[in-house]
Protein backbone atom coordinates (compact mmCIF):
# COMPACT_ATOMS: atom_id res chain seq x y z
CA MET A 1 0.00 0.00 0.00
CA SER A 2 1.43 3.37 -0.95
CA PRO A 3 2.08 5.97 1.78
CA VAL A 4 -0.57 8.26 0.32
CA ALA A 5 -3.11 5.45 0.18
CA PHE A 6 -2.21 4.61 3.77
CA ARG A 7 -2.81 8.20 4.89
CA MET A 8 -6.09 8.43 3.07
CA LEU A 9 -7.20 5.14 4.61
CA LEU A 10 -6.10 5.58 8.18
CA VAL A 11 -4.70 8.66 9.77
CA PRO A 12 -4.73 11.13 12.69
CA CYS A 13 -10.27 11.24 10.38
CA ALA A 14 -19.39 10.96 7.22
CA LEU A 15 -21.03 9.59 10.18
CA LEU A 16 -24.11 11.17 11.69
CA PHE A 17 -24.61 10.37 15.34
CA ALA A 18 -28.23 10.21 16.40
CA ALA A 19 -28.54 11.58 19.91
CA SER A 20 -30.10 8.36 21.12
CA SER A 21 -27.28 6.18 19.80
CA LEU A 22 -24.33 8.11 21.30
CA PRO A 23 -23.59 6.94 24.83
CA SER A 24 -23.18 9.60 27.46
CA VAL A 25 -19.74 10.26 28.86
CA ALA A 26 -19.10 9.28 32.43
CA ALA A 27 -17.16 11.61 34.72
CA PRO A 28 -13.39 10.99 34.58
CA ASN A 29 -13.28 8.88 37.76
CA ALA A 30 -16.48 6.94 37.10
CA PRO A 31 -16.18 3.36 35.86
CA ALA A 32 -15.71 3.50 32.10
CA SER A 33 -18.13 0.59 31.76
CA GLN A 34 -20.96 3.02 32.55
CA ALA A 35 -20.40 4.74 29.23
CA ALA A 36 -18.39 2.26 27.17
CA SER A 37 -19.98 0.82 24.08
CA SER A 38 -17.47 -2.03 23.89
CA THR A 39 -16.47 -4.74 26.31
CA SER A 40 -13.20 -3.08 27.25
CA ALA A 41 -12.99 -0.12 29.62
CA ILE A 42 -11.43 3.14 28.49
CA PRO A 43 -8.03 3.65 30.15
CA ALA A 44 -7.66 6.64 32.44
CA ALA A 45 -6.35 9.67 30.58
CA ARG A 46 -3.32 11.66 31.59
CA PRO A 47 -4.79 14.83 33.10
CA ALA A 48 -2.52 17.03 30.97
CA ASP A 49 -3.77 15.31 27.77
CA VAL A 50 -7.40 16.25 28.36
CA SER A 51 -7.10 19.60 30.15
CA SER A 52 -7.84 21.67 27.04
CA MET A 53 -8.92 21.22 23.46
CA GLU A 54 -5.38 22.06 22.37
CA ALA A 55 -3.95 19.40 24.70
CA VAL A 56 -6.23 16.60 23.50
CA ILE A 57 -5.46 17.36 19.83
CA ASP A 58 -1.73 17.55 20.53
CA ALA A 59 -1.94 14.21 22.37
CA VAL A 60 -3.52 12.53 19.32
CA TYR A 61 -0.68 13.77 17.11
CA GLU A 62 1.91 12.62 19.68
CA VAL A 63 0.43 9.13 19.97
CA ILE A 64 0.35 8.39 16.25
CA SER A 65 3.79 9.87 15.55
CA GLY A 66 7.00 7.90 15.85
CA PRO A 67 9.82 6.20 13.97
CA LYS A 68 9.56 2.80 12.35
CA ASP A 69 9.81 -0.14 14.73
CA GLN A 70 8.44 2.00 17.59
CA LYS A 71 5.29 0.75 19.27
CA ARG A 72 2.67 3.43 19.86
CA ASP A 73 0.95 3.94 23.21
CA TRP A 74 -2.47 2.76 22.07
CA ASN A 75 -3.93 2.89 25.59
CA ARG A 76 -3.08 6.59 25.63
CA MET A 77 -4.92 6.89 22.29
CA ARG A 78 -7.95 5.04 23.67
CA SER A 79 -8.04 7.35 26.70
CA LEU A 80 -8.59 10.41 24.51
CA PHE A 81 -11.77 9.23 22.78
CA VAL A 82 -15.35 9.20 23.98
CA PRO A 83 -16.99 5.73 23.93
CA GLY A 84 -18.35 5.10 20.43
CA ALA A 85 -15.95 7.62 18.82
CA ARG A 86 -15.23 7.36 15.10
CA LEU A 87 -12.29 8.05 12.81
CA ILE A 88 -13.41 8.76 9.27
CA SER A 89 -11.26 9.13 6.18
CA VAL A 90 -12.59 10.66 2.97
CA HIS A 91 -11.06 9.41 -0.26
CA ALA A 92 -11.95 9.17 -3.94
CA GLY A 93 -13.87 6.05 -4.88
CA LYS A 94 -13.57 4.14 -8.13
CA ASP A 95 -15.96 6.54 -9.85
CA GLY A 96 -14.10 9.59 -8.50
CA ALA A 97 -16.84 10.49 -6.03
CA SER A 98 -15.87 11.11 -2.40
CA GLU A 99 -16.41 8.18 -0.08
CA ALA A 100 -16.15 7.92 3.69
CA ARG A 101 -14.40 5.03 5.43
CA VAL A 102 -15.71 4.85 9.00
CA MET A 103 -13.61 3.22 11.71
CA SER A 104 -13.87 2.73 15.44
CA VAL A 105 -10.81 3.53 17.52
CA GLU A 106 -10.05 -0.21 17.67
CA ASP A 107 -10.39 -0.54 13.86
CA TYR A 108 -7.95 2.33 13.42
CA ILE A 109 -5.42 0.82 15.84
CA ARG A 110 -5.63 -2.60 14.19
CA LEU A 111 -5.04 -1.13 10.71
CA ALA A 112 -2.54 1.61 11.59
CA GLN A 113 -0.21 -0.20 13.97
CA PRO A 114 1.61 -2.48 11.51
CA LEU A 115 1.99 0.23 8.87
CA MET A 116 3.21 2.90 11.30
CA GLU A 117 5.76 0.51 12.77
CA LYS A 118 6.91 -0.64 9.31
CA ASP A 119 7.39 2.76 7.63
CA GLY A 120 7.51 5.31 10.45
CA PHE A 121 4.92 8.04 10.65
CA PHE A 122 5.07 11.59 11.95
CA GLU A 123 2.17 13.96 11.72
CA ARG A 124 2.22 17.55 12.86
CA GLU A 125 -0.26 20.36 12.81
CA SER A 126 0.59 23.37 10.66
CA HIS A 127 -2.60 25.43 11.13
CA ARG A 128 -5.71 25.40 13.34
CA THR A 129 -9.13 27.04 13.29
CA VAL A 130 -11.64 26.58 16.11
CA ASP A 131 -15.38 27.06 16.46
CA ARG A 132 -16.89 26.43 19.87
CA TYR A 133 -20.33 26.53 21.40
CA GLY A 134 -20.75 25.48 25.03
CA GLY A 135 -19.31 22.00 25.49
CA ILE A 136 -18.79 21.26 21.80
CA ALA A 137 -15.98 22.34 19.51
CA GLN A 138 -15.19 21.85 15.83
CA VAL A 139 -11.49 22.17 15.00
CA PHE A 140 -9.99 22.19 11.51
CA SER A 141 -6.40 21.03 12.05
CA THR A 142 -4.26 21.22 8.92
CA TYR A 143 -1.71 18.41 9.00
CA GLU A 144 1.55 17.42 7.37
CA SER A 145 2.56 13.74 7.33
CA ARG A 146 6.15 12.48 7.07
CA HIS A 147 7.82 9.08 7.42
CA ALA A 148 10.67 10.56 9.47
CA ALA A 149 10.60 13.66 11.65
CA ALA A 150 13.53 15.15 9.71
CA ASP A 151 11.97 14.68 6.24
CA ALA A 152 12.10 18.05 4.49
CA LYS A 153 8.83 17.57 2.61
CA PRO A 154 5.62 15.89 3.78
CA PHE A 155 4.30 13.01 1.70
CA GLN A 156 0.75 14.15 2.50
CA ARG A 157 -1.06 17.24 3.72
CA GLY A 158 -4.73 17.70 4.46
CA ILE A 159 -7.26 18.64 7.10
CA ASN A 160 -8.25 16.71 10.20
CA SER A 161 -11.68 17.82 11.36
CA PHE A 162 -11.85 17.16 15.10
CA GLN A 163 -15.21 17.18 16.87
CA LEU A 164 -14.60 17.57 20.59
CA LEU A 165 -16.68 17.43 23.77
CA PHE A 166 -16.03 19.12 27.11
CA ASP A 167 -18.02 17.28 29.78
CA GLY A 168 -17.32 19.82 32.53
CA HIS A 169 -14.23 17.92 33.70
CA ARG A 170 -12.18 17.02 30.62
CA TRP A 171 -12.02 17.14 26.82
CA TRP A 172 -12.89 14.11 24.66
CA VAL A 173 -12.42 13.42 20.97
CA VAL A 174 -15.79 12.44 19.49
CA THR A 175 -14.76 12.21 15.83
CA ILE A 176 -11.74 12.79 13.64
CA TYR A 177 -12.86 13.24 10.05
CA TRP A 178 -10.15 13.93 7.46
CA GLN A 179 -9.34 14.42 3.83
CA GLY A 180 -5.94 14.58 2.18
CA GLU A 181 -4.90 17.27 -0.25
CA HIS A 182 -4.57 16.33 -3.92
CA PRO A 183 -3.91 18.32 -7.12
CA ASP A 184 -7.61 18.96 -7.73
CA LEU A 185 -8.17 19.90 -4.09
CA PRO A 186 -5.39 22.17 -2.78
CA LEU A 187 -5.50 23.43 0.79
CA PRO A 188 -7.22 26.84 0.91
CA LYS A 189 -5.33 29.84 2.29
CA GLN A 190 -7.66 30.21 5.28
CA TYR A 191 -6.56 26.74 6.42
CA GLY A 192 -2.83 27.30 5.95
CA GLY A 193 -2.56 26.36 2.27
C-alpha cells in the first residue's frame, strides 16, 4: 500500500450520530463501563492530555507519531476518545466520487499499527481554526505527514476535522474526520494552504 493510500485510509479522520445512539460520557473517575460501548474499559487519561482542546489534539498527534519499529501507546490513544468515537477518512472512490471510510478507535489501531511501525509516521499540525459553542468544539487542524521527523517535505497534507466534547471535567475526541490534499483539491489559504 502506498504511503498516500495509507494516509487516506487511516490517519490522525461521514457519520451522523443520532442523539439516542451516542452513549453519554461518564465523569473521569467513574467506571468506564458506565459509558463504554465495547467490552473493554477506556483507560484513564493523563490529566494534561485532556485539560484543554489544544492538549487533546496535541496528544492525538503525539500518539500516532514515531519512527519505524516503535510501538505506539495505544492505551493513551484510547483514553482520549469518547466511547463510540469514530475516525473517518474521505477518499476518492472508483468513480471519482468522495467516499467515507468509518472506523472505530479499535479498527484504526488494528489497521494503523503495523503500517506505522513498518514505515515510520510523523504527523504535525501546521494550522488550526476553532469554532466552539458550550461543550462542543469543531477544530480544523491542517496536518503534514512524514515518514521521518527530519523529512524536508511531507508526503501528504490535508485537514483533520476534530469534533470535541467538554463534559465539565475534561475534553474528549468524538470524531476525527479527514481528507488529504490532492492536485484537484489544494488546501485553501484560510486553512494554511
